[in-house]
Amino acid sequence: MATKRYKISEKAVEKLMKENLELKKSLKTQREVVFDTICEHKEGLSCKDICDITGIAPRQVRDSTQRLKTDSMVKTFDCRCGSTPYYIKS
């Protein structure tokens, strides 16, 4: 079975590439979403709070917060019982 080949103009290709680039720029990574959420709450947020607010899975939130801690963008402090870490902007 032969496939049909379509000729696409260079302008159409450039337009599609431009739209694709604009779409990629408008999308946020999970790490950016987690960081923005932490920045919005000055009192600090636990992992569960971040999960509830953003809808991101707990494992993904933990991975994002660990990377943010490594890059010194986020600090942690423990709750009064010392078992739950809360994340705040550095």
PDB file of N, CA and C in Angstrom:
ATOM      1  N   MET A   1       0.844  -1.174   0.000  1.00  0.00           N
ATOM      2  CA  MET A   1       0.000   0.000   0.000  1.00  0.00           C
ATOM      3  C   MET A   1       0.891   1.238   0.000  1.00  0.00           C
ATOM      4  N   ALA A   2       0.689   2.099  -0.917  1.00  0.00           N
ATOM      5  CA  ALA A   2       1.502   3.305  -1.053  1.00  0.00           C
ATOM      6  C   ALA A   2       0.965   4.390  -0.116  1.00  0.00           C
ATOM      7  N   THR A   3       1.891   5.143   0.444  1.00  0.00           N
ATOM      8  CA  THR A   3       1.480   6.255   1.296  1.00  0.00           C
ATOM      9  C   THR A   3       1.504   7.532   0.482  1.00  0.00           C
ATOM     10  N   LYS A   4       0.617   8.413   0.814  1.00  0.00           N
ATOM     11  CA  LYS A   4       0.559   9.695   0.117  1.00  0.00           C
ATOM     12  C   LYS A   4       1.535  10.656   0.779  1.00  0.00           C
ATOM     13  N   ARG A   5       2.184  11.429  -0.018  1.00  0.00           N
ATOM     14  CA  ARG A   5       3.087  12.448   0.493  1.00  0.00           C
ATOM     15  C   ARG A   5       2.471  13.815   0.212  1.00  0.00           C
ATOM     16  N   TYR A   6       2.508  14.653   1.210  1.00  0.00           N
ATOM     17  CA  TYR A   6       1.968  15.996   1.071  1.00  0.00           C
ATOM     18  C   TYR A   6       3.109  16.989   1.116  1.00  0.00           C
ATOM     19  N   LYS A   7       2.990  17.986   0.323  1.00  0.00           N
ATOM     20  CA  LYS A   7       3.989  19.031   0.303  1.00  0.00           C
ATOM     21  C   LYS A   7       3.525  20.147   1.229  1.00  0.00           C
ATOM     22  N   ILE A   8       4.405  20.539   2.161  1.00  0.00           N
ATOM     23  CA  ILE A   8       4.081  21.604   3.099  1.00  0.00           C
ATOM     24  C   ILE A   8       5.022  22.770   2.815  1.00  0.00           C
ATOM     25  N   SER A   9       4.446  23.943   2.766  1.00  0.00           N
ATOM     26  CA  SER A   9       5.275  25.116   2.484  1.00  0.00           C
ATOM     27  C   SER A   9       6.167  25.429   3.684  1.00  0.00           C
ATOM     28  N   GLU A  10       7.244  26.133   3.421  1.00  0.00           N
ATOM     29  CA  GLU A  10       8.172  26.502   4.496  1.00  0.00           C
ATOM     30  C   GLU A  10       7.501  27.432   5.499  1.00  0.00           C
ATOM     31  N   LYS A  11       6.619  28.287   5.030  1.00  0.00           N
ATOM     32  CA  LYS A  11       5.903  29.188   5.938  1.00  0.00           C
ATOM     33  C   LYS A  11       5.041  28.399   6.926  1.00  0.00           C
ATOM     34  N   ALA A  12       4.377  27.382   6.421  1.00  0.00           N
ATOM     35  CA  ALA A  12       3.534  26.565   7.304  1.00  0.00           C
ATOM     36  C   ALA A  12       4.383  25.844   8.344  1.00  0.00           C
ATOM     37  N   VAL A  13       5.537  25.346   7.944  1.00  0.00           N
ATOM     38  CA  VAL A  13       6.430  24.673   8.882  1.00  0.00           C
ATOM     39  C   VAL A  13       6.934  25.649   9.929  1.00  0.00           C
ATOM     40  N   GLU A  14       7.329  26.837   9.514  1.00  0.00           N
ATOM     41  CA  GLU A  14       7.808  27.857  10.449  1.00  0.00           C
ATOM     42  C   GLU A  14       6.706  28.253  11.435  1.00  0.00           C
ATOM     43  N   LYS A  15       5.486  28.362  10.940  1.00  0.00           N
ATOM     44  CA  LYS A  15       4.357  28.718  11.805  1.00  0.00           C
ATOM     45  C   LYS A  15       4.120  27.629  12.856  1.00  0.00           C
ATOM     46  N   LEU A  16       4.153  26.373  12.435  1.00  0.00           N
ATOM     47  CA  LEU A  16       3.967  25.269  13.380  1.00  0.00           C
ATOM     48  C   LEU A  16       5.082  25.226  14.418  1.00  0.00           C
ATOM     49  N   MET A  17       6.310  25.455  13.999  1.00  0.00           N
ATOM     50  CA  MET A  17       7.448  25.458  14.931  1.00  0.00           C
ATOM     51  C   MET A  17       7.304  26.591  15.945  1.00  0.00           C
ATOM     52  N   LYS A  18       6.873  27.755  15.478  1.00  0.00           N
ATOM     53  CA  LYS A  18       6.691  28.903  16.359  1.00  0.00           C
ATOM     54  C   LYS A  18       5.590  28.629  17.383  1.00  0.00           C
ATOM     55  N   GLU A  19       4.474  28.059  16.944  1.00  0.00           N
ATOM     56  CA  GLU A  19       3.376  27.728  17.853  1.00  0.00           C
ATOM     57  C   GLU A  19       3.818  26.700  18.881  1.00  0.00           C
ATOM     58  N   ASN A  20       4.604  25.707  18.449  1.00  0.00           N
ATOM     59  CA  ASN A  20       5.097  24.686  19.354  1.00  0.00           C
ATOM     60  C   ASN A  20       6.012  25.301  20.411  1.00  0.00           C
ATOM     61  N   LEU A  21       6.869  26.221  20.020  1.00  0.00           N
ATOM     62  CA  LEU A  21       7.780  26.880  20.946  1.00  0.00           C
ATOM     63  C   LEU A  21       7.013  27.719  21.958  1.00  0.00           C
ATOM     64  N   GLU A  22       5.995  28.443  21.498  1.00  0.00           N
ATOM     65  CA  GLU A  22       5.178  29.255  22.396  1.00  0.00           C
ATOM     66  C   GLU A  22       4.433  28.374  23.403  1.00  0.00           C
ATOM     67  N   LEU A  23       3.959  27.233  22.948  1.00  0.00           N
ATOM     68  CA  LEU A  23       3.261  26.318  23.847  1.00  0.00           C
ATOM     69  C   LEU A  23       4.210  25.783  24.912  1.00  0.00           C
ATOM     70  N   LYS A  24       5.416  25.428  24.524  1.00  0.00           N
ATOM     71  CA  LYS A  24       6.397  24.924  25.489  1.00  0.00           C
ATOM     72  C   LYS A  24       6.750  25.985  26.524  1.00  0.00           C
ATOM     73  N   LYS A  25       6.829  27.242  26.099  1.00  0.00           N
ATOM     74  CA  LYS A  25       7.152  28.323  27.025  1.00  0.00           C
ATOM     75  C   LYS A  25       6.031  28.550  28.032  1.00  0.00           C
ATOM     76  N   SER A  26       4.788  28.324  27.633  1.00  0.00           N
ATOM     77  CA  SER A  26       3.653  28.589  28.513  1.00  0.00           C
ATOM     78  C   SER A  26       3.433  27.482  29.544  1.00  0.00           C
ATOM     79  N   LEU A  27       3.957  26.285  29.282  1.00  0.00           N
ATOM     80  CA  LEU A  27       3.784  25.184  30.216  1.00  0.00           C
ATOM     81  C   LEU A  27       4.819  25.259  31.329  1.00  0.00           C
ATOM     82  N   LYS A  28       4.399  24.956  32.557  1.00  0.00           N
ATOM     83  CA  LYS A  28       5.307  24.960  33.693  1.00  0.00           C
ATOM     84  C   LYS A  28       5.679  23.529  34.056  1.00  0.00           C
ATOM     85  N   THR A  29       6.894  23.362  34.530  1.00  0.00           N
ATOM     86  CA  THR A  29       7.303  22.056  35.021  1.00  0.00           C
ATOM     87  C   THR A  29       6.732  21.856  36.410  1.00  0.00           C
ATOM     88  N   GLN A  30       6.723  20.615  36.863  1.00  0.00           N
ATOM     89  CA  GLN A  30       6.225  20.341  38.213  1.00  0.00           C
ATOM     90  C   GLN A  30       7.054  21.072  39.254  1.00  0.00           C
ATOM     91  N   ARG A  31       8.337  21.158  39.004  1.00  0.00           N
ATOM     92  CA  ARG A  31       9.226  21.847  39.944  1.00  0.00           C
ATOM     93  C   ARG A  31       8.833  23.320  40.061  1.00  0.00           C
ATOM     94  N   GLU A  32       8.530  23.968  38.953  1.00  0.00           N
ATOM     95  CA  GLU A  32       8.113  25.366  38.964  1.00  0.00           C
ATOM     96  C   GLU A  32       6.783  25.543  39.673  1.00  0.00           C
ATOM     97  N   VAL A  33       5.857  24.610  39.458  1.00  0.00           N
ATOM     98  CA  VAL A  33       4.548  24.674  40.121  1.00  0.00           C
ATOM     99  C   VAL A  33       4.720  24.544  41.627  1.00  0.00           C
ATOM    100  N   VAL A  34       5.546  23.602  42.069  1.00  0.00           N
ATOM    101  CA  VAL A  34       5.789  23.399  43.506  1.00  0.00           C
ATOM    102  C   VAL A  34       6.448  24.644  44.096  1.00  0.00           C
ATOM    103  N   PHE A  35       7.440  25.192  43.416  1.00  0.00           N
ATOM    104  CA  PHE A  35       8.127  26.380  43.929  1.00  0.00           C
ATOM    105  C   PHE A  35       7.172  27.565  44.030  1.00  0.00           C
ATOM    106  N   ASP A  36       6.350  27.791  43.020  1.00  0.00           N
ATOM    107  CA  ASP A  36       5.374  28.888  43.053  1.00  0.00           C
ATOM    108  C   ASP A  36       4.383  28.711  44.197  1.00  0.00           C
ATOM    109  N   THR A  37       3.970  27.483  44.434  1.00  0.00           N
ATOM    110  CA  THR A  37       3.033  27.204  45.524  1.00  0.00           C
ATOM    111  C   THR A  37       3.670  27.504  46.871  1.00  0.00           C
ATOM    112  N   ILE A  38       4.925  27.105  47.042  1.00  0.00           N
ATOM    113  CA  ILE A  38       5.638  27.376  48.302  1.00  0.00           C
ATOM    114  C   ILE A  38       5.805  28.880  48.494  1.00  0.00           C
ATOM    115  N   CYS A  39       6.108  29.596  47.422  1.00  0.00           N
ATOM    116  CA  CYS A  39       6.285  31.053  47.509  1.00  0.00           C
ATOM    117  C   CYS A  39       5.001  31.773  47.894  1.00  0.00           C
ATOM    118  N   GLU A  40       3.858  31.240  47.486  1.00  0.00           N
ATOM    119  CA  GLU A  40       2.573  31.871  47.793  1.00  0.00           C
ATOM    120  C   GLU A  40       2.192  31.737  49.261  1.00  0.00           C
ATOM    121  N   HIS A  41       2.736  30.755  49.968  1.00  0.00           N
ATOM    122  CA  HIS A  41       2.377  30.501  51.358  1.00  0.00           C
ATOM    123  C   HIS A  41       3.579  30.757  52.247  1.00  0.00           C
ATOM    124  N   LYS A  42       3.603  31.928  52.866  1.00  0.00           N
ATOM    125  CA  LYS A  42       4.738  32.357  53.677  1.00  0.00           C
ATOM    126  C   LYS A  42       4.912  31.522  54.944  1.00  0.00           C
ATOM    127  N   GLU A  43       3.825  30.930  55.447  1.00  0.00           N
ATOM    128  CA  GLU A  43       3.886  30.174  56.702  1.00  0.00           C
ATOM    129  C   GLU A  43       4.527  28.806  56.541  1.00  0.00           C
ATOM    130  N   GLY A  44       4.720  28.385  55.301  1.00  0.00           N
ATOM    131  CA  GLY A  44       5.326  27.084  55.020  1.00  0.00           C
ATOM    132  C   GLY A  44       4.269  26.029  54.719  1.00  0.00           C
ATOM    133  N   LEU A  45       4.658  25.018  53.956  1.00  0.00           N
ATOM    134  CA  LEU A  45       3.739  23.953  53.572  1.00  0.00           C
ATOM    135  C   LEU A  45       4.420  22.600  53.746  1.00  0.00           C
ATOM    136  N   SER A  46       3.641  21.625  54.161  1.00  0.00           N
ATOM    137  CA  SER A  46       4.147  20.255  54.215  1.00  0.00           C
ATOM    138  C   SER A  46       3.965  19.609  52.846  1.00  0.00           C
ATOM    139  N   CYS A  47       4.531  18.449  52.682  1.00  0.00           N
ATOM    140  CA  CYS A  47       4.404  17.728  51.414  1.00  0.00           C
ATOM    141  C   CYS A  47       2.932  17.439  51.114  1.00  0.00           C
ATOM    142  N   LYS A  48       2.188  17.031  52.130  1.00  0.00           N
ATOM    143  CA  LYS A  48       0.762  16.727  51.940  1.00  0.00           C
ATOM    144  C   LYS A  48      -0.016  17.974  51.526  1.00  0.00           C
ATOM    145  N   ASP A  49       0.315  19.116  52.127  1.00  0.00           N
ATOM    146  CA  ASP A  49      -0.347  20.366  51.749  1.00  0.00           C
ATOM    147  C   ASP A  49      -0.092  20.700  50.279  1.00  0.00           C
ATOM    148  N   ILE A  50       1.153  20.544  49.857  1.00  0.00           N
ATOM    149  CA  ILE A  50       1.506  20.833  48.469  1.00  0.00           C
ATOM    150  C   ILE A  50       0.759  19.892  47.526  1.00  0.00           C
ATOM    151  N   CYS A  51       0.666  18.615  47.908  1.00  0.00           N
ATOM    152  CA  CYS A  51      -0.062  17.636  47.091  1.00  0.00           C
ATOM    153  C   CYS A  51      -1.530  18.021  46.951  1.00  0.00           C
ATOM    154  N   ASP A  52      -2.145  18.418  48.066  1.00  0.00           N
ATOM    155  CA  ASP A  52      -3.563  18.785  48.048  1.00  0.00           C
ATOM    156  C   ASP A  52      -3.818  20.029  47.202  1.00  0.00           C
ATOM    157  N   ILE A  53      -2.921  21.009  47.286  1.00  0.00           N
ATOM    158  CA  ILE A  53      -3.110  22.263  46.560  1.00  0.00           C
ATOM    159  C   ILE A  53      -2.870  22.082  45.063  1.00  0.00           C
ATOM    160  N   THR A  54      -1.788  21.385  44.704  1.00  0.00           N
ATOM    161  CA  THR A  54      -1.400  21.289  43.296  1.00  0.00           C
ATOM    162  C   THR A  54      -1.996  20.094  42.566  1.00  0.00           C
ATOM    163  N   GLY A  55      -2.313  19.029  43.300  1.00  0.00           N
ATOM    164  CA  GLY A  55      -2.814  17.821  42.662  1.00  0.00           C
ATOM    165  C   GLY A  55      -1.705  16.939  42.101  1.00  0.00           C
ATOM    166  N   ILE A  56      -0.458  17.246  42.464  1.00  0.00           N
ATOM    167  CA  ILE A  56       0.685  16.455  42.018  1.00  0.00           C
ATOM    168  C   ILE A  56       0.884  15.302  42.999  1.00  0.00           C
ATOM    169  N   ALA A  57       1.304  14.154  42.488  1.00  0.00           N
ATOM    170  CA  ALA A  57       1.512  12.968  43.320  1.00  0.00           C
ATOM    171  C   ALA A  57       2.594  13.223  44.380  1.00  0.00           C
ATOM    172  N   PRO A  58       2.451  12.612  45.577  1.00  0.00           N
ATOM    173  CA  PRO A  58       3.412  12.838  46.665  1.00  0.00           C
ATOM    174  C   PRO A  58       4.860  12.539  46.297  1.00  0.00           C
ATOM    175  N   ARG A  59       5.085  11.489  45.550  1.00  0.00           N
ATOM    176  CA  ARG A  59       6.460  11.150  45.177  1.00  0.00           C
ATOM    177  C   ARG A  59       7.066  12.228  44.278  1.00  0.00           C
ATOM    178  N   GLN A  60       6.256  12.775  43.382  1.00  0.00           N
ATOM    179  CA  GLN A  60       6.742  13.830  42.495  1.00  0.00           C
ATOM    180  C   GLN A  60       7.010  15.116  43.269  1.00  0.00           C
ATOM    181  N   VAL A  61       6.162  15.401  44.272  1.00  0.00           N
ATOM    182  CA  VAL A  61       6.368  16.583  45.105  1.00  0.00           C
ATOM    183  C   VAL A  61       7.662  16.432  45.904  1.00  0.00           C
ATOM    184  N   ARG A  62       7.888  15.247  46.457  1.00  0.00           N
ATOM    185  CA  ARG A  62       9.101  15.008  47.229  1.00  0.00           C
ATOM    186  C   ARG A  62      10.343  15.182  46.356  1.00  0.00           C
ATOM    187  N   ASP A  63      10.287  14.666  45.141  1.00  0.00           N
ATOM    188  CA  ASP A  63      11.405  14.813  44.219  1.00  0.00           C
ATOM    189  C   ASP A  63      11.649  16.291  43.896  1.00  0.00           C
ATOM    190  N   SER A  64      10.587  17.030  43.651  1.00  0.00           N
ATOM    191  CA  SER A  64      10.720  18.454  43.328  1.00  0.00           C
ATOM    192  C   SER A  64      11.285  19.237  44.507  1.00  0.00           C
ATOM    193  N   THR A  65      10.805  18.962  45.717  1.00  0.00           N
ATOM    194  CA  THR A  65      11.300  19.695  46.886  1.00  0.00           C
ATOM    195  C   THR A  65      12.764  19.351  47.172  1.00  0.00           C
ATOM    196  N   GLN A  66      13.157  18.108  46.939  1.00  0.00           N
ATOM    197  CA  GLN A  66      14.558  17.741  47.144  1.00  0.00           C
ATOM    198  C   GLN A  66      15.455  18.494  46.161  1.00  0.00           C
ATOM    199  N   ARG A  67      15.020  18.617  44.931  1.00  0.00           N
ATOM    200  CA  ARG A  67      15.811  19.365  43.946  1.00  0.00           C
ATOM    201  C   ARG A  67      15.869  20.845  44.300  1.00  0.00           C
ATOM    202  N   LEU A  68      14.756  21.390  44.772  1.00  0.00           N
ATOM    203  CA  LEU A  68      14.739  22.793  45.182  1.00  0.00           C
ATOM    204  C   LEU A  68      15.647  23.022  46.383  1.00  0.00           C
ATOM    205  N   LYS A  69      15.678  22.070  47.311  1.00  0.00           N
ATOM    206  CA  LYS A  69      16.586  22.170  48.457  1.00  0.00           C
ATOM    207  C   LYS A  69      18.040  22.113  48.003  1.00  0.00           C
ATOM    208  N   THR A  70      18.335  21.237  47.059  1.00  0.00           N
ATOM    209  CA  THR A  70      19.698  21.115  46.545  1.00  0.00           C
ATOM    210  C   THR A  70      20.156  22.410  45.886  1.00  0.00           C
ATOM    211  N   ASP A  71      19.248  23.088  45.205  1.00  0.00           N
ATOM    212  CA  ASP A  71      19.565  24.352  44.538  1.00  0.00           C
ATOM    213  C   ASP A  71      19.459  25.553  45.479  1.00  0.00           C
ATOM    214  N   SER A  72      19.219  25.312  46.765  1.00  0.00           N
ATOM    215  CA  SER A  72      19.106  26.353  47.802  1.00  0.00           C
ATOM    216  C   SER A  72      17.990  27.354  47.511  1.00  0.00           C
ATOM    217  N   MET A  73      16.920  26.891  46.912  1.00  0.00           N
ATOM    218  CA  MET A  73      15.769  27.750  46.649  1.00  0.00           C
ATOM    219  C   MET A  73      14.724  27.623  47.749  1.00  0.00           C
ATOM    220  N   VAL A  74      14.792  26.514  48.506  1.00  0.00           N
ATOM    221  CA  VAL A  74      13.811  26.218  49.542  1.00  0.00           C
ATOM    222  C   VAL A  74      14.540  25.769  50.802  1.00  0.00           C
ATOM    223  N   LYS A  75      14.022  26.195  51.961  1.00  0.00           N
ATOM    224  CA  LYS A  75      14.538  25.734  53.247  1.00  0.00           C
ATOM    225  C   LYS A  75      13.467  24.895  53.925  1.00  0.00           C
ATOM    226  N   THR A  76      13.882  24.090  54.886  1.00  0.00           N
ATOM    227  CA  THR A  76      12.916  23.304  55.653  1.00  0.00           C
ATOM    228  C   THR A  76      13.024  23.648  57.128  1.00  0.00           C
ATOM    229  N   PHE A  77      11.914  23.496  57.813  1.00  0.00           N
ATOM    230  CA  PHE A  77      11.899  23.513  59.275  1.00  0.00           C
ATOM    231  C   PHE A  77      10.899  22.463  59.707  1.00  0.00           C
ATOM    232  N   ASP A  78      11.124  21.891  60.877  1.00  0.00           N
ATOM    233  CA  ASP A  78      10.257  20.822  61.366  1.00  0.00           C
ATOM    234  C   ASP A  78       9.107  21.389  62.173  1.00  0.00           C
ATOM    235  N   CYS A  79       8.021  20.633  62.217  1.00  0.00           N
ATOM    236  CA  CYS A  79       6.881  21.019  63.045  1.00  0.00           C
ATOM    237  C   CYS A  79       7.289  20.870  64.510  1.00  0.00           C
ATOM    238  N   ARG A  80       6.417  21.239  65.411  1.00  0.00           N
ATOM    239  CA  ARG A  80       6.790  21.232  66.822  1.00  0.00           C
ATOM    240  C   ARG A  80       7.071  19.834  67.358  1.00  0.00           C
ATOM    241  N   CYS A  81       6.482  18.789  66.759  1.00  0.00           N
ATOM    242  CA  CYS A  81       6.781  17.425  67.203  1.00  0.00           C
ATOM    243  C   CYS A  81       8.051  16.894  66.548  1.00  0.00           C
ATOM    244  N   GLY A  82       8.520  17.582  65.492  1.00  0.00           N
ATOM    245  CA  GLY A  82       9.772  17.219  64.860  1.00  0.00           C
ATOM    246  C   GLY A  82       9.688  16.137  63.799  1.00  0.00           C
ATOM    247  N   SER A  83       8.483  15.741  63.415  1.00  0.00           N
ATOM    248  CA  SER A  83       8.380  14.647  62.450  1.00  0.00           C
ATOM    249  C   SER A  83       8.041  15.099  61.033  1.00  0.00           C
ATOM    250  N   THR A  84       7.394  16.246  60.873  1.00  0.00           N
ATOM    251  CA  THR A  84       6.964  16.691  59.552  1.00  0.00           C
ATOM    252  C   THR A  84       7.774  17.902  59.106  1.00  0.00           C
ATOM    253  N   PRO A  85       8.465  17.806  57.982  1.00  0.00           N
ATOM    254  CA  PRO A  85       9.179  18.987  57.483  1.00  0.00           C
ATOM    255  C   PRO A  85       8.219  19.934  56.752  1.00  0.00           C
ATOM    256  N   TYR A  86       8.421  21.213  56.982  1.00  0.00           N
ATOM    257  CA  TYR A  86       7.677  22.247  56.268  1.00  0.00           C
ATOM    258  C   TYR A  86       8.647  22.991  55.373  1.00  0.00           C
ATOM    259  N   TYR A  87       8.194  23.339  54.189  1.00  0.00           N
ATOM    260  CA  TYR A  87       9.045  23.981  53.204  1.00  0.00           C
ATOM    261  C   TYR A  87       8.683  25.450  53.068  1.00  0.00           C
ATOM    262  N   ILE A  88       9.714  26.321  53.091  1.00  0.00           N
ATOM    263  CA  ILE A  88       9.529  27.746  52.887  1.00  0.00           C
ATOM    264  C   ILE A  88      10.581  28.223  51.886  1.00  0.00           C
ATOM    265  N   LYS A  89      10.328  29.376  51.292  1.00  0.00           N
ATOM    266  CA  LYS A  89      11.260  29.945  50.327  1.00  0.00           C
ATOM    267  C   LYS A  89      12.514  30.408  51.058  1.00  0.00           C
ATOM    268  N   SER A  90      13.680  30.191  50.475  1.00  0.00           N
ATOM    269  CA  SER A  90      14.944  30.633  51.083  1.00  0.00           C
ATOM    270  C   SER A  90      15.100  32.132  51.000  1.00  0.00           C
TER     271      SER A  90
END
